[in-house]
Amino acid sequence: MVNHMVQSEVLDRAFAALADPTRRGVLTRLGEGPATLGELAAPTGMTLTGLKKHVQVLEDAGLVTTAKVGRTRQCRLGGERLDEAMAWISHYQRLWERRLDGLEAYLTLQEGTTP
């Protein structure tokens, strides 16, 4: 029960973080390689403070890691949590595929039995 609760909290944080287009954009950019907060903020037109709040949400969700490098904060993807979210999605994708395959088989049978 505790493990299920922990997994739910992890997924809740990950999906909440992914719900925002700015944060998804940050993840897309970090998929190309590490970047500083300034490099992430520049194309969005956001202030460093505004972008830092988005990065903090991603970091709290385990989707991004940050480290101070000199006078800048370097950001990178932190994939473990994204892997957990993808595993959850994949589980339900397989479940729905099995159900839809069953429905397709049923409908095919019904088509063969109609006068």
PDB file of N, CA and C in Angstrom:
ATOM      1  N   MET A   1       0.832  -1.196   0.000  1.00  0.00           N
ATOM      2  CA  MET A   1       0.000   0.000   0.000  1.00  0.00           C
ATOM      3  C   MET A   1       0.872   1.253   0.000  1.00  0.00           C
ATOM      4  N   VAL A   2       1.921   1.288   0.809  1.00  0.00           N
ATOM      5  CA  VAL A   2       2.788   2.454   0.875  1.00  0.00           C
ATOM      6  C   VAL A   2       3.482   2.651  -0.471  1.00  0.00           C
ATOM      7  N   ASN A   3       3.964   1.566  -1.090  1.00  0.00           N
ATOM      8  CA  ASN A   3       4.637   1.672  -2.384  1.00  0.00           C
ATOM      9  C   ASN A   3       3.704   2.251  -3.435  1.00  0.00           C
ATOM     10  N   HIS A   4       2.438   1.822  -3.421  1.00  0.00           N
ATOM     11  CA  HIS A   4       1.457   2.348  -4.371  1.00  0.00           C
ATOM     12  C   HIS A   4       1.242   3.846  -4.148  1.00  0.00           C
ATOM     13  N   MET A   5       1.196   4.271  -2.882  1.00  0.00           N
ATOM     14  CA  MET A   5       1.009   5.687  -2.572  1.00  0.00           C
ATOM     15  C   MET A   5       2.206   6.508  -3.042  1.00  0.00           C
ATOM     16  N   VAL A   6       3.402   5.967  -2.814  1.00  0.00           N
ATOM     17  CA  VAL A   6       4.615   6.669  -3.244  1.00  0.00           C
ATOM     18  C   VAL A   6       4.621   6.778  -4.763  1.00  0.00           C
ATOM     19  N   GLN A   7       4.276   5.676  -5.468  1.00  0.00           N
ATOM     20  CA  GLN A   7       4.240   5.699  -6.925  1.00  0.00           C
ATOM     21  C   GLN A   7       3.213   6.722  -7.411  1.00  0.00           C
ATOM     22  N   SER A   8       2.054   6.783  -6.769  1.00  0.00           N
ATOM     23  CA  SER A   8       1.027   7.750  -7.152  1.00  0.00           C
ATOM     24  C   SER A   8       1.530   9.178  -6.989  1.00  0.00           C
ATOM     25  N   GLU A   9       2.218   9.457  -5.904  1.00  0.00           N
ATOM     26  CA  GLU A   9       2.752  10.797  -5.677  1.00  0.00           C
ATOM     27  C   GLU A   9       3.792  11.155  -6.735  1.00  0.00           C
ATOM     28  N   VAL A  10       4.642  10.204  -7.071  1.00  0.00           N
ATOM     29  CA  VAL A  10       5.664  10.421  -8.093  1.00  0.00           C
ATOM     30  C   VAL A  10       5.002  10.719  -9.434  1.00  0.00           C
ATOM     31  N   LEU A  11       4.018   9.910  -9.801  1.00  0.00           N
ATOM     32  CA  LEU A  11       3.323  10.122 -11.073  1.00  0.00           C
ATOM     33  C   LEU A  11       2.544  11.432 -11.068  1.00  0.00           C
ATOM     34  N   ASP A  12       1.894  11.756  -9.949  1.00  0.00           N
ATOM     35  CA  ASP A  12       1.157  13.019  -9.857  1.00  0.00           C
ATOM     36  C   ASP A  12       2.079  14.203 -10.117  1.00  0.00           C
ATOM     37  N   ARG A  13       3.259  14.193  -9.492  1.00  0.00           N
ATOM     38  CA  ARG A  13       4.213  15.294  -9.687  1.00  0.00           C
ATOM     39  C   ARG A  13       4.706  15.346 -11.133  1.00  0.00           C
ATOM     40  N   ALA A  14       5.000  14.175 -11.699  1.00  0.00           N
ATOM     41  CA  ALA A  14       5.506  14.130 -13.077  1.00  0.00           C
ATOM     42  C   ALA A  14       4.453  14.641 -14.049  1.00  0.00           C
ATOM     43  N   PHE A  15       3.208  14.143 -13.936  1.00  0.00           N
ATOM     44  CA  PHE A  15       2.171  14.565 -14.875  1.00  0.00           C
ATOM     45  C   PHE A  15       1.791  16.024 -14.672  1.00  0.00           C
ATOM     46  N   ALA A  16       1.795  16.505 -13.449  1.00  0.00           N
ATOM     47  CA  ALA A  16       1.512  17.927 -13.197  1.00  0.00           C
ATOM     48  C   ALA A  16       2.602  18.792 -13.838  1.00  0.00           C
ATOM     49  N   ALA A  17       3.841  18.353 -13.721  1.00  0.00           N
ATOM     50  CA  ALA A  17       4.944  19.106 -14.330  1.00  0.00           C
ATOM     51  C   ALA A  17       4.829  19.094 -15.850  1.00  0.00           C
ATOM     52  N   LEU A  18       4.438  17.963 -16.415  1.00  0.00           N
ATOM     53  CA  LEU A  18       4.330  17.830 -17.874  1.00  0.00           C
ATOM     54  C   LEU A  18       3.110  18.543 -18.448  1.00  0.00           C
ATOM     55  N   ALA A  19       2.169  18.923 -17.599  1.00  0.00           N
ATOM     56  CA  ALA A  19       0.940  19.558 -18.069  1.00  0.00           C
ATOM     57  C   ALA A  19       1.173  20.961 -18.623  1.00  0.00           C
ATOM     58  N   ASP A  20       2.278  21.575 -18.282  1.00  0.00           N
ATOM     59  CA  ASP A  20       2.542  22.949 -18.687  1.00  0.00           C
ATOM     60  C   ASP A  20       3.396  22.990 -19.959  1.00  0.00           C
ATOM     61  N   PRO A  21       2.972  23.741 -20.984  1.00  0.00           N
ATOM     62  CA  PRO A  21       3.740  23.785 -22.232  1.00  0.00           C
ATOM     63  C   PRO A  21       5.144  24.376 -22.081  1.00  0.00           C
ATOM     64  N   THR A  22       5.319  25.326 -21.180  1.00  0.00           N
ATOM     65  CA  THR A  22       6.654  25.890 -20.962  1.00  0.00           C
ATOM     66  C   THR A  22       7.587  24.816 -20.428  1.00  0.00           C
ATOM     67  N   ARG A  23       7.110  24.021 -19.478  1.00  0.00           N
ATOM     68  CA  ARG A  23       7.950  22.959 -18.903  1.00  0.00           C
ATOM     69  C   ARG A  23       8.244  21.866 -19.931  1.00  0.00           C
ATOM     70  N   ARG A  24       7.254  21.543 -20.778  1.00  0.00           N
ATOM     71  CA  ARG A  24       7.522  20.574 -21.843  1.00  0.00           C
ATOM     72  C   ARG A  24       8.577  21.122 -22.795  1.00  0.00           C
ATOM     73  N   GLY A  25       8.533  22.426 -23.056  1.00  0.00           N
ATOM     74  CA  GLY A  25       9.545  23.062 -23.904  1.00  0.00           C
ATOM     75  C   GLY A  25      10.931  22.978 -23.288  1.00  0.00           C
ATOM     76  N   VAL A  26      11.005  23.159 -21.983  1.00  0.00           N
ATOM     77  CA  VAL A  26      12.289  23.027 -21.285  1.00  0.00           C
ATOM     78  C   VAL A  26      12.818  21.605 -21.453  1.00  0.00           C
ATOM     79  N   LEU A  27      11.956  20.615 -21.282  1.00  0.00           N
ATOM     80  CA  LEU A  27      12.387  19.221 -21.436  1.00  0.00           C
ATOM     81  C   LEU A  27      12.839  18.946 -22.867  1.00  0.00           C
ATOM     82  N   THR A  28      12.120  19.495 -23.839  1.00  0.00           N
ATOM     83  CA  THR A  28      12.507  19.312 -25.241  1.00  0.00           C
ATOM     84  C   THR A  28      13.894  19.896 -25.478  1.00  0.00           C
ATOM     85  N   ARG A  29      14.112  21.101 -24.972  1.00  0.00           N
ATOM     86  CA  ARG A  29      15.428  21.743 -25.140  1.00  0.00           C
ATOM     87  C   ARG A  29      16.513  20.946 -24.444  1.00  0.00           C
ATOM     88  N   LEU A  30      16.244  20.459 -23.236  1.00  0.00           N
ATOM     89  CA  LEU A  30      17.255  19.690 -22.502  1.00  0.00           C
ATOM     90  C   LEU A  30      17.508  18.331 -23.149  1.00  0.00           C
ATOM     91  N   GLY A  31      16.587  17.876 -23.975  1.00  0.00           N
ATOM     92  CA  GLY A  31      16.815  16.648 -24.732  1.00  0.00           C
ATOM     93  C   GLY A  31      17.964  16.804 -25.722  1.00  0.00           C
ATOM     94  N   GLU A  32      18.281  18.036 -26.082  1.00  0.00           N
ATOM     95  CA  GLU A  32      19.402  18.327 -26.978  1.00  0.00           C
ATOM     96  C   GLU A  32      20.722  18.403 -26.216  1.00  0.00           C
ATOM     97  N   GLY A  33      20.651  18.525 -24.897  1.00  0.00           N
ATOM     98  CA  GLY A  33      21.853  18.620 -24.081  1.00  0.00           C
ATOM     99  C   GLY A  33      21.647  19.598 -22.938  1.00  0.00           C
ATOM    100  N   PRO A  34      22.584  19.617 -22.000  1.00  0.00           N
ATOM    101  CA  PRO A  34      22.472  20.515 -20.844  1.00  0.00           C
ATOM    102  C   PRO A  34      22.404  21.981 -21.276  1.00  0.00           C
ATOM    103  N   ALA A  35      21.794  22.798 -20.422  1.00  0.00           N
ATOM    104  CA  ALA A  35      21.672  24.230 -20.700  1.00  0.00           C
ATOM    105  C   ALA A  35      21.613  24.984 -19.388  1.00  0.00           C
ATOM    106  N   THR A  36      22.014  26.235 -19.438  1.00  0.00           N
ATOM    107  CA  THR A  36      21.900  27.092 -18.261  1.00  0.00           C
ATOM    108  C   THR A  36      20.488  27.658 -18.210  1.00  0.00           C
ATOM    109  N   LEU A  37      20.139  28.207 -17.054  1.00  0.00           N
ATOM    110  CA  LEU A  37      18.830  28.856 -16.923  1.00  0.00           C
ATOM    111  C   LEU A  37      18.681  29.969 -17.950  1.00  0.00           C
ATOM    112  N   GLY A  38      19.738  30.731 -18.172  1.00  0.00           N
ATOM    113  CA  GLY A  38      19.703  31.816 -19.149  1.00  0.00           C
ATOM    114  C   GLY A  38      19.445  31.307 -20.561  1.00  0.00           C
ATOM    115  N   GLU A  39      20.092  30.207 -20.921  1.00  0.00           N
ATOM    116  CA  GLU A  39      19.884  29.623 -22.247  1.00  0.00           C
ATOM    117  C   GLU A  39      18.456  29.104 -22.406  1.00  0.00           C
ATOM    118  N   LEU A  40      17.886  28.595 -21.316  1.00  0.00           N
ATOM    119  CA  LEU A  40      16.504  28.105 -21.368  1.00  0.00           C
ATOM    120  C   LEU A  40      15.508  29.261 -21.416  1.00  0.00           C
ATOM    121  N   ALA A  41      15.824  30.350 -20.738  1.00  0.00           N
ATOM    122  CA  ALA A  41      14.904  31.490 -20.662  1.00  0.00           C
ATOM    123  C   ALA A  41      14.885  32.300 -21.951  1.00  0.00           C
ATOM    124  N   ALA A  42      16.021  32.414 -22.628  1.00  0.00           N
ATOM    125  CA  ALA A  42      16.146  33.308 -23.787  1.00  0.00           C
ATOM    126  C   ALA A  42      15.056  33.104 -24.845  1.00  0.00           C
ATOM    127  N   PRO A  43      14.821  31.901 -25.344  1.00  0.00           N
ATOM    128  CA  PRO A  43      13.818  31.768 -26.408  1.00  0.00           C
ATOM    129  C   PRO A  43      12.380  31.956 -25.933  1.00  0.00           C
ATOM    130  N   THR A  44      12.143  31.878 -24.637  1.00  0.00           N
ATOM    131  CA  THR A  44      10.774  32.006 -24.127  1.00  0.00           C
ATOM    132  C   THR A  44      10.392  33.443 -23.831  1.00  0.00           C
ATOM    133  N   GLY A  45      11.384  34.312 -23.681  1.00  0.00           N
ATOM    134  CA  GLY A  45      11.112  35.691 -23.306  1.00  0.00           C
ATOM    135  C   GLY A  45      10.791  35.838 -21.823  1.00  0.00           C
ATOM    136  N   MET A  46      10.977  34.766 -21.065  1.00  0.00           N
ATOM    137  CA  MET A  46      10.706  34.810 -19.621  1.00  0.00           C
ATOM    138  C   MET A  46      11.898  35.382 -18.877  1.00  0.00           C
ATOM    139  N   THR A  47      11.620  35.878 -17.695  1.00  0.00           N
ATOM    140  CA  THR A  47      12.708  36.298 -16.818  1.00  0.00           C
ATOM    141  C   THR A  47      13.378  35.047 -16.254  1.00  0.00           C
ATOM    142  N   LEU A  48      14.588  35.199 -15.761  1.00  0.00           N
ATOM    143  CA  LEU A  48      15.266  34.073 -15.122  1.00  0.00           C
ATOM    144  C   LEU A  48      14.460  33.575 -13.930  1.00  0.00           C
ATOM    145  N   THR A  49      13.880  34.493 -13.173  1.00  0.00           N
ATOM    146  CA  THR A  49      13.086  34.111 -12.009  1.00  0.00           C
ATOM    147  C   THR A  49      11.876  33.291 -12.424  1.00  0.00           C
ATOM    148  N   GLY A  50      11.186  33.721 -13.472  1.00  0.00           N
ATOM    149  CA  GLY A  50      10.019  32.987 -13.957  1.00  0.00           C
ATOM    150  C   GLY A  50      10.387  31.598 -14.443  1.00  0.00           C
ATOM    151  N   LEU A  51      11.473  31.521 -15.216  1.00  0.00           N
ATOM    152  CA  LEU A  51      11.877  30.213 -15.725  1.00  0.00           C
ATOM    153  C   LEU A  51      12.372  29.319 -14.596  1.00  0.00           C
ATOM    154  N   LYS A  52      13.039  29.912 -13.622  1.00  0.00           N
ATOM    155  CA  LYS A  52      13.556  29.121 -12.493  1.00  0.00           C
ATOM    156  C   LYS A  52      12.416  28.418 -11.759  1.00  0.00           C
ATOM    157  N   LYS A  53      11.257  29.075 -11.672  1.00  0.00           N
ATOM    158  CA  LYS A  53      10.099  28.448 -11.022  1.00  0.00           C
ATOM    159  C   LYS A  53       9.651  27.208 -11.797  1.00  0.00           C
ATOM    160  N   HIS A  54       9.658  27.291 -13.115  1.00  0.00           N
ATOM    161  CA  HIS A  54       9.297  26.132 -13.934  1.00  0.00           C
ATOM    162  C   HIS A  54      10.322  25.004 -13.768  1.00  0.00           C
ATOM    163  N   VAL A  55      11.587  25.381 -13.769  1.00  0.00           N
ATOM    164  CA  VAL A  55      12.644  24.374 -13.606  1.00  0.00           C
ATOM    165  C   VAL A  55      12.537  23.723 -12.233  1.00  0.00           C
ATOM    166  N   GLN A  56      12.173  24.497 -11.227  1.00  0.00           N
ATOM    167  CA  GLN A  56      12.020  23.946  -9.875  1.00  0.00           C
ATOM    168  C   GLN A  56      10.912  22.893  -9.841  1.00  0.00           C
ATOM    169  N   VAL A  57       9.807  23.146 -10.532  1.00  0.00           N
ATOM    170  CA  VAL A  57       8.717  22.166 -10.603  1.00  0.00           C
ATOM    171  C   VAL A  57       9.224  20.884 -11.269  1.00  0.00           C
ATOM    172  N   LEU A  58       9.972  21.041 -12.359  1.00  0.00           N
ATOM    173  CA  LEU A  58      10.532  19.876 -13.053  1.00  0.00           C
ATOM    174  C   LEU A  58      11.532  19.135 -12.174  1.00  0.00           C
ATOM    175  N   GLU A  59      12.316  19.886 -11.425  1.00  0.00           N
ATOM    176  CA  GLU A  59      13.300  19.281 -10.529  1.00  0.00           C
ATOM    177  C   GLU A  59      12.595  18.535  -9.388  1.00  0.00           C
ATOM    178  N   ASP A  60      11.555  19.138  -8.813  1.00  0.00           N
ATOM    179  CA  ASP A  60      10.793  18.482  -7.743  1.00  0.00           C
ATOM    180  C   ASP A  60      10.147  17.188  -8.231  1.00  0.00           C
ATOM    181  N   ALA A  61       9.798  17.159  -9.522  1.00  0.00           N
ATOM    182  CA  ALA A  61       9.186  15.969 -10.106  1.00  0.00           C
ATOM    183  C   ALA A  61      10.236  14.931 -10.509  1.00  0.00           C
ATOM    184  N   GLY A  62      11.514  15.281 -10.396  1.00  0.00           N
ATOM    185  CA  GLY A  62      12.590  14.354 -10.761  1.00  0.00           C
ATOM    186  C   GLY A  62      12.838  14.288 -12.256  1.00  0.00           C
ATOM    187  N   LEU A  63      12.307  15.248 -13.012  1.00  0.00           N
ATOM    188  CA  LEU A  63      12.467  15.240 -14.461  1.00  0.00           C
ATOM    189  C   LEU A  63      13.697  16.008 -14.923  1.00  0.00           C
ATOM    190  N   VAL A  64      14.219  16.866 -14.040  1.00  0.00           N
ATOM    191  CA  VAL A  64      15.382  17.697 -14.351  1.00  0.00           C
ATOM    192  C   VAL A  64      16.286  17.719 -13.132  1.00  0.00           C
ATOM    193  N   THR A  65      17.576  17.796 -13.372  1.00  0.00           N
ATOM    194  CA  THR A  65      18.523  18.031 -12.283  1.00  0.00           C
ATOM    195  C   THR A  65      19.251  19.329 -12.588  1.00  0.00           C
ATOM    196  N   THR A  66      19.638  20.029 -11.533  1.00  0.00           N
ATOM    197  CA  THR A  66      20.391  21.264 -11.720  1.00  0.00           C
ATOM    198  C   THR A  66      21.617  21.231 -10.815  1.00  0.00           C
ATOM    199  N   ALA A  67      22.633  21.950 -11.246  1.00  0.00           N
ATOM    200  CA  ALA A  67      23.860  22.067 -10.443  1.00  0.00           C
ATOM    201  C   ALA A  67      24.468  23.436 -10.707  1.00  0.00           C
ATOM    202  N   LYS A  68      24.988  24.033  -9.661  1.00  0.00           N
ATOM    203  CA  LYS A  68      25.641  25.332  -9.794  1.00  0.00           C
ATOM    204  C   LYS A  68      27.024  25.096 -10.409  1.00  0.00           C
ATOM    205  N   VAL A  69      27.275  25.787 -11.503  1.00  0.00           N
ATOM    206  CA  VAL A  69      28.568  25.705 -12.183  1.00  0.00           C
ATOM    207  C   VAL A  69      29.072  27.131 -12.326  1.00  0.00           C
ATOM    208  N   GLY A  70      30.011  27.484 -11.464  1.00  0.00           N
ATOM    209  CA  GLY A  70      30.488  28.863 -11.447  1.00  0.00           C
ATOM    210  C   GLY A  70      29.370  29.794 -11.030  1.00  0.00           C
ATOM    211  N   ARG A  71      29.044  30.751 -11.895  1.00  0.00           N
ATOM    212  CA  ARG A  71      27.989  31.717 -11.583  1.00  0.00           C
ATOM    213  C   ARG A  71      26.655  31.350 -12.222  1.00  0.00           C
ATOM    214  N   THR A  72      26.599  30.206 -12.870  1.00  0.00           N
ATOM    215  CA  THR A  72      25.365  29.805 -13.547  1.00  0.00           C
ATOM    216  C   THR A  72      24.809  28.519 -12.949  1.00  0.00           C
ATOM    217  N   ARG A  73      23.570  28.243 -13.269  1.00  0.00           N
ATOM    218  CA  ARG A  73      22.932  26.987 -12.861  1.00  0.00           C
ATOM    219  C   ARG A  73      22.725  26.163 -14.123  1.00  0.00           C
ATOM    220  N   GLN A  74      23.378  24.995 -14.160  1.00  0.00           N
ATOM    221  CA  GLN A  74      23.311  24.083 -15.304  1.00  0.00           C
ATOM    222  C   GLN A  74      22.155  23.104 -15.097  1.00  0.00           C
ATOM    223  N   CYS A  75      21.352  22.905 -16.120  1.00  0.00           N
ATOM    224  CA  CYS A  75      20.198  22.006 -16.055  1.00  0.00           C
ATOM    225  C   CYS A  75      20.407  20.838 -17.009  1.00  0.00           C
ATOM    226  N   ARG A  76      19.949  19.657 -16.590  1.00  0.00           N
ATOM    227  CA  ARG A  76      19.995  18.458 -17.432  1.00  0.00           C
ATOM    228  C   ARG A  76      18.745  17.639 -17.196  1.00  0.00           C
ATOM    229  N   LEU A  77      18.451  16.762 -18.153  1.00  0.00           N
ATOM    230  CA  LEU A  77      17.339  15.841 -17.961  1.00  0.00           C
ATOM    231  C   LEU A  77      17.648  14.896 -16.814  1.00  0.00           C
ATOM    232  N   GLY A  78      16.643  14.573 -16.025  1.00  0.00           N
ATOM    233  CA  GLY A  78      16.748  13.579 -14.962  1.00  0.00           C
ATOM    234  C   GLY A  78      15.722  12.499 -15.253  1.00  0.00           C
ATOM    235  N   GLY A  79      16.096  11.525 -16.058  1.00  0.00           N
ATOM    236  CA  GLY A  79      15.152  10.614 -16.681  1.00  0.00           C
ATOM    237  C   GLY A  79      14.467   9.561 -15.852  1.00  0.00           C
ATOM    238  N   GLU A  80      14.893   9.312 -14.616  1.00  0.00           N
ATOM    239  CA  GLU A  80      14.271   8.200 -13.887  1.00  0.00           C
ATOM    240  C   GLU A  80      12.769   8.378 -13.732  1.00  0.00           C
ATOM    241  N   ARG A  81      12.335   9.550 -13.375  1.00  0.00           N
ATOM    242  CA  ARG A  81      10.908   9.788 -13.164  1.00  0.00           C
ATOM    243  C   ARG A  81      10.141   9.720 -14.476  1.00  0.00           C
ATOM    244  N   LEU A  82      10.747  10.192 -15.547  1.00  0.00           N
ATOM    245  CA  LEU A  82      10.091  10.105 -16.843  1.00  0.00           C
ATOM    246  C   LEU A  82       9.942   8.642 -17.249  1.00  0.00           C
ATOM    247  N   ASP A  83      10.937   7.825 -16.915  1.00  0.00           N
ATOM    248  CA  ASP A  83      10.845   6.384 -17.181  1.00  0.00           C
ATOM    249  C   ASP A  83       9.671   5.776 -16.431  1.00  0.00           C
ATOM    250  N   GLU A  84       9.451   6.205 -15.186  1.00  0.00           N
ATOM    251  CA  GLU A  84       8.330   5.686 -14.397  1.00  0.00           C
ATOM    252  C   GLU A  84       6.995   6.102 -15.013  1.00  0.00           C
ATOM    253  N   ALA A  85       6.908   7.336 -15.481  1.00  0.00           N
ATOM    254  CA  ALA A  85       5.676   7.801 -16.126  1.00  0.00           C
ATOM    255  C   ALA A  85       5.439   7.031 -17.423  1.00  0.00           C
ATOM    256  N   MET A  86       6.494   6.800 -18.182  1.00  0.00           N
ATOM    257  CA  MET A  86       6.353   6.046 -19.436  1.00  0.00           C
ATOM    258  C   MET A  86       5.937   4.604 -19.160  1.00  0.00           C
ATOM    259  N   ALA A  87       6.452   3.996 -18.109  1.00  0.00           N
ATOM    260  CA  ALA A  87       6.056   2.628 -17.755  1.00  0.00           C
ATOM    261  C   ALA A  87       4.571   2.588 -17.409  1.00  0.00           C
ATOM    262  N   TRP A  88       4.093   3.582 -16.684  1.00  0.00           N
ATOM    263  CA  TRP A  88       2.676   3.650 -16.316  1.00  0.00           C
ATOM    264  C   TRP A  88       1.817   3.790 -17.573  1.00  0.00           C
ATOM    265  N   ILE A  89       2.216   4.696 -18.466  1.00  0.00           N
ATOM    266  CA  ILE A  89       1.477   4.898 -19.714  1.00  0.00           C
ATOM    267  C   ILE A  89       1.492   3.622 -20.552  1.00  0.00           C
ATOM    268  N   SER A  90       2.639   2.976 -20.653  1.00  0.00           N
ATOM    269  CA  SER A  90       2.760   1.751 -21.453  1.00  0.00           C
ATOM    270  C   SER A  90       1.858   0.643 -20.929  1.00  0.00           C
ATOM    271  N   HIS A  91       1.762   0.538 -19.605  1.00  0.00           N
ATOM    272  CA  HIS A  91       0.888  -0.473 -19.003  1.00  0.00           C
ATOM    273  C   HIS A  91      -0.557  -0.274 -19.481  1.00  0.00           C
ATOM    274  N   TYR A  92      -1.034   0.958 -19.418  1.00  0.00           N
ATOM    275  CA  TYR A  92      -2.413   1.229 -19.819  1.00  0.00           C
ATOM    276  C   TYR A  92      -2.591   1.176 -21.336  1.00  0.00           C
ATOM    277  N   GLN A  93      -1.555   1.487 -22.072  1.00  0.00           N
ATOM    278  CA  GLN A  93      -1.626   1.352 -23.523  1.00  0.00           C
ATOM    279  C   GLN A  93      -1.820  -0.119 -23.903  1.00  0.00           C
ATOM    280  N   ARG A  94      -1.040  -1.015 -23.281  1.00  0.00           N
ATOM    281  CA  ARG A  94      -1.191  -2.449 -23.555  1.00  0.00           C
ATOM    282  C   ARG A  94      -2.578  -2.938 -23.148  1.00  0.00           C
ATOM    283  N   LEU A  95      -3.088  -2.473 -22.016  1.00  0.00           N
ATOM    284  CA  LEU A  95      -4.420  -2.859 -21.553  1.00  0.00           C
ATOM    285  C   LEU A  95      -5.479  -2.462 -22.583  1.00  0.00           C
ATOM    286  N   TRP A  96      -5.427  -1.216 -23.056  1.00  0.00           N
ATOM    287  CA  TRP A  96      -6.407  -0.758 -24.039  1.00  0.00           C
ATOM    288  C   TRP A  96      -6.248  -1.463 -25.378  1.00  0.00           C
ATOM    289  N   GLU A  97      -5.010  -1.761 -25.766  1.00  0.00           N
ATOM    290  CA  GLU A  97      -4.810  -2.487 -27.021  1.00  0.00           C
ATOM    291  C   GLU A  97      -5.449  -3.873 -26.950  1.00  0.00           C
ATOM    292  N   ARG A  98      -5.295  -4.554 -25.800  1.00  0.00           N
ATOM    293  CA  ARG A  98      -5.926  -5.873 -25.637  1.00  0.00           C
ATOM    294  C   ARG A  98      -7.448  -5.743 -25.700  1.00  0.00           C
ATOM    295  N   ARG A  99      -7.992  -4.739 -25.049  1.00  0.00           N
ATOM    296  CA  ARG A  99      -9.446  -4.550 -25.072  1.00  0.00           C
ATOM    297  C   ARG A  99      -9.945  -4.228 -26.474  1.00  0.00           C
ATOM    298  N   LEU A 100      -9.238  -3.383 -27.177  1.00  0.00           N
ATOM    299  CA  LEU A 100      -9.651  -3.044 -28.534  1.00  0.00           C
ATOM    300  C   LEU A 100      -9.493  -4.231 -29.485  1.00  0.00           C
ATOM    301  N   ASP A 101      -8.455  -5.044 -29.275  1.00  0.00           N
ATOM    302  CA  ASP A 101      -8.302  -6.259 -30.082  1.00  0.00           C
ATOM    303  C   ASP A 101      -9.480  -7.202 -29.837  1.00  0.00           C
ATOM    304  N   GLY A 102      -9.905  -7.314 -28.587  1.00  0.00           N
ATOM    305  CA  GLY A 102     -11.060  -8.144 -28.249  1.00  0.00           C
ATOM    306  C   GLY A 102     -12.331  -7.611 -28.887  1.00  0.00           C
ATOM    307  N   LEU A 103     -12.495  -6.304 -28.871  1.00  0.00           N
ATOM    308  CA  LEU A 103     -13.666  -5.688 -29.499  1.00  0.00           C
ATOM    309  C   LEU A 103     -13.648  -5.922 -31.005  1.00  0.00           C
ATOM    310  N   GLU A 104     -12.486  -5.787 -31.601  1.00  0.00           N
ATOM    311  CA  GLU A 104     -12.367  -6.025 -33.036  1.00  0.00           C
ATOM    312  C   GLU A 104     -12.731  -7.473 -33.378  1.00  0.00           C
ATOM    313  N   ALA A 105     -12.248  -8.416 -32.594  1.00  0.00           N
ATOM    314  CA  ALA A 105     -12.570  -9.827 -32.832  1.00  0.00           C
ATOM    315  C   ALA A 105     -14.071 -10.053 -32.688  1.00  0.00           C
ATOM    316  N   TYR A 106     -14.684  -9.464 -31.678  1.00  0.00           N
ATOM    317  CA  TYR A 106     -16.123  -9.602 -31.457  1.00  0.00           C
ATOM    318  C   TYR A 106     -16.908  -9.037 -32.639  1.00  0.00           C
ATOM    319  N   LEU A 107     -16.535  -7.838 -33.091  1.00  0.00           N
ATOM    320  CA  LEU A 107     -17.242  -7.200 -34.201  1.00  0.00           C
ATOM    321  C   LEU A 107     -17.066  -7.986 -35.495  1.00  0.00           C
ATOM    322  N   THR A 108     -15.889  -8.551 -35.689  1.00  0.00           N
ATOM    323  CA  THR A 108     -15.646  -9.376 -36.871  1.00  0.00           C
ATOM    324  C   THR A 108     -16.547 -10.600 -36.851  1.00  0.00           C
ATOM    325  N   LEU A 109     -16.696 -11.215 -35.673  1.00  0.00           N
ATOM    326  CA  LEU A 109     -17.597 -12.350 -35.522  1.00  0.00           C
ATOM    327  C   LEU A 109     -19.028 -11.948 -35.804  1.00  0.00           C
ATOM    328  N   GLN A 110     -19.439 -10.802 -35.290  1.00  0.00           N
ATOM    329  CA  GLN A 110     -20.807 -10.324 -35.483  1.00  0.00           C
ATOM    330  C   GLN A 110     -21.085 -10.050 -36.953  1.00  0.00           C
ATOM    331  N   GLU A 111     -20.113  -9.522 -37.664  1.00  0.00           N
ATOM    332  CA  GLU A 111     -20.311  -9.259 -39.093  1.00  0.00           C
ATOM    333  C   GLU A 111     -20.525 -10.555 -39.854  1.00  0.00           C
ATOM    334  N   GLY A 112     -19.850 -11.613 -39.434  1.00  0.00           N
ATOM    335  CA  GLY A 112     -19.984 -12.901 -40.088  1.00  0.00           C
ATOM    336  C   GLY A 112     -21.301 -13.597 -39.791  1.00  0.00           C
ATOM    337  N   THR A 113     -21.996 -13.198 -38.735  1.00  0.00           N
ATOM    338  CA  THR A 113     -23.247 -13.870 -38.357  1.00  0.00           C
ATOM    339  C   THR A 113     -24.502 -13.088 -38.735  1.00  0.00           C
ATOM    340  N   THR A 114     -24.344 -11.888 -39.279  1.00  0.00           N
ATOM    341  CA  THR A 114     -25.522 -11.102 -39.655  1.00  0.00           C
ATOM    342  C   THR A 114     -26.068 -11.602 -40.987  1.00  0.00           C
ATOM    343  N   PRO A 115     -27.419 -11.640 -41.095  1.00  0.00           N
ATOM    344  CA  PRO A 115     -28.030 -12.161 -42.345  1.00  0.00           C
ATOM    345  C   PRO A 115     -27.786 -11.270 -43.541  1.00  0.00           C
TER     346      PRO A 115
END
